[in-house]
Amino acid sequence: MDAIEFLEEWPVERRGLLHGAACDTCYSAYDGRKSVEAAHKAFAFGAVLDDRAEDWQCTRTNR
């Protein structure tokens, strides 16, 4: 749920295809339609490409 909250707070002007894909995957994992691993990868990939990785620690130990 933390990743979803983070994505919801993402600046509107910086949202794009990667943000949309990360949101879709995280919501699907939350609903049980996709794996948590898939959501983690989508979120981490989008954060790294958007250069916001320092705002979010993409570790699996905090689940």
C-alpha atoms as a PDB file:
ATOM      1  CA  MET A   1       0.000   0.000   0.000  1.00  0.00           C
ATOM      2  CA  ASP A   2       2.940   2.373   0.582  1.00  0.00           C
ATOM      3  CA  ALA A   3       3.883   2.229  -3.102  1.00  0.00           C
ATOM      4  CA  ILE A   4       0.319   3.071  -4.143  1.00  0.00           C
ATOM      5  CA  GLU A   5       0.266   6.050  -1.778  1.00  0.00           C
ATOM      6  CA  PHE A   6       3.625   7.205  -3.128  1.00  0.00           C
ATOM      7  CA  LEU A   7       2.372   6.940  -6.710  1.00  0.00           C
ATOM      8  CA  GLU A   8      -0.793   8.864  -5.844  1.00  0.00           C
ATOM      9  CA  GLU A   9       1.384  11.709  -4.509  1.00  0.00           C
ATOM     10  CA  TRP A  10       3.579  11.699  -7.646  1.00  0.00           C
ATOM     11  CA  PRO A  11       3.575  15.201  -9.236  1.00  0.00           C
ATOM     12  CA  VAL A  12       0.865  15.360 -11.880  1.00  0.00           C
ATOM     13  CA  GLU A  13       3.133  17.117 -14.349  1.00  0.00           C
ATOM     14  CA  ARG A  14       5.607  14.207 -14.195  1.00  0.00           C
ATOM     15  CA  ARG A  15       3.095  11.405 -14.653  1.00  0.00           C
ATOM     16  CA  GLY A  16       3.371   9.465 -17.859  1.00  0.00           C
ATOM     17  CA  LEU A  17       3.356   5.962 -19.270  1.00  0.00           C
ATOM     18  CA  LEU A  18       5.719   4.576 -16.629  1.00  0.00           C
ATOM     19  CA  HIS A  19       3.634   6.051 -13.832  1.00  0.00           C
ATOM     20  CA  GLY A  20       0.483   4.570 -15.342  1.00  0.00           C
ATOM     21  CA  ALA A  21       2.066   1.155 -15.739  1.00  0.00           C
ATOM     22  CA  ALA A  22       3.391   1.208 -12.179  1.00  0.00           C
ATOM     23  CA  CYS A  23      -0.041   2.227 -10.842  1.00  0.00           C
ATOM     24  CA  ASP A  24      -1.829  -0.481 -12.815  1.00  0.00           C
ATOM     25  CA  THR A  25       0.606  -3.152 -11.664  1.00  0.00           C
ATOM     26  CA  CYS A  26       0.517  -2.067  -8.011  1.00  0.00           C
ATOM     27  CA  TYR A  27      -3.281  -1.949  -7.957  1.00  0.00           C
ATOM     28  CA  SER A  28      -3.396  -5.377  -9.624  1.00  0.00           C
ATOM     29  CA  ALA A  29      -1.054  -6.797  -6.982  1.00  0.00           C
ATOM     30  CA  TYR A  30      -3.139  -5.237  -4.223  1.00  0.00           C
ATOM     31  CA  ASP A  31      -6.241  -6.900  -5.700  1.00  0.00           C
ATOM     32  CA  GLY A  32      -4.424 -10.221  -6.096  1.00  0.00           C
ATOM     33  CA  ARG A  33      -4.438 -10.194  -9.905  1.00  0.00           C
ATOM     34  CA  LYS A  34      -0.651  -9.839 -10.197  1.00  0.00           C
ATOM     35  CA  SER A  35       2.236 -10.829  -7.986  1.00  0.00           C
ATOM     36  CA  VAL A  36       3.812  -8.521  -5.436  1.00  0.00           C
ATOM     37  CA  GLU A  37       7.110  -9.195  -7.202  1.00  0.00           C
ATOM     38  CA  ALA A  38       5.704  -7.822 -10.477  1.00  0.00           C
ATOM     39  CA  ALA A  39       4.487  -4.706  -8.686  1.00  0.00           C
ATOM     40  CA  HIS A  40       7.843  -4.227  -6.986  1.00  0.00           C
ATOM     41  CA  LYS A  41       9.678  -4.487 -10.307  1.00  0.00           C
ATOM     42  CA  ALA A  42       7.321  -2.062 -12.077  1.00  0.00           C
ATOM     43  CA  PHE A  43       7.526   0.436  -9.241  1.00  0.00           C
ATOM     44  CA  ALA A  44      11.303   0.211  -8.891  1.00  0.00           C
ATOM     45  CA  PHE A  45      11.861   0.459 -12.648  1.00  0.00           C
ATOM     46  CA  GLY A  46       9.657   3.528 -12.924  1.00  0.00           C
ATOM     47  CA  ALA A  47      11.263   5.213  -9.921  1.00  0.00           C
ATOM     48  CA  VAL A  48      14.783   4.619 -11.194  1.00  0.00           C
ATOM     49  CA  LEU A  49      13.990   5.879 -14.673  1.00  0.00           C
ATOM     50  CA  ASP A  50      12.280   8.921 -13.240  1.00  0.00           C
ATOM     51  CA  ASP A  51      15.295   9.629 -11.029  1.00  0.00           C
ATOM     52  CA  ARG A  52      13.181   9.518  -7.873  1.00  0.00           C
ATOM     53  CA  ALA A  53      14.724   6.383  -6.421  1.00  0.00           C
ATOM     54  CA  GLU A  54      16.238   8.406  -3.609  1.00  0.00           C
ATOM     55  CA  ASP A  55      12.690   9.331  -2.493  1.00  0.00           C
ATOM     56  CA  TRP A  56      11.750   5.711  -2.026  1.00  0.00           C
ATOM     57  CA  GLN A  57      13.843   2.823  -0.773  1.00  0.00           C
ATOM     58  CA  CYS A  58      13.036  -0.007  -3.150  1.00  0.00           C
ATOM     59  CA  THR A  59      13.809  -2.860  -0.816  1.00  0.00           C
ATOM     60  CA  ARG A  60      11.784  -5.940  -0.212  1.00  0.00           C
ATOM     61  CA  THR A  61      12.679  -6.038   3.466  1.00  0.00           C
ATOM     62  CA  ASN A  62      10.106  -3.334   4.281  1.00  0.00           C
ATOM     63  CA  ARG A  63       7.059  -5.356   3.159  1.00  0.00           C
END
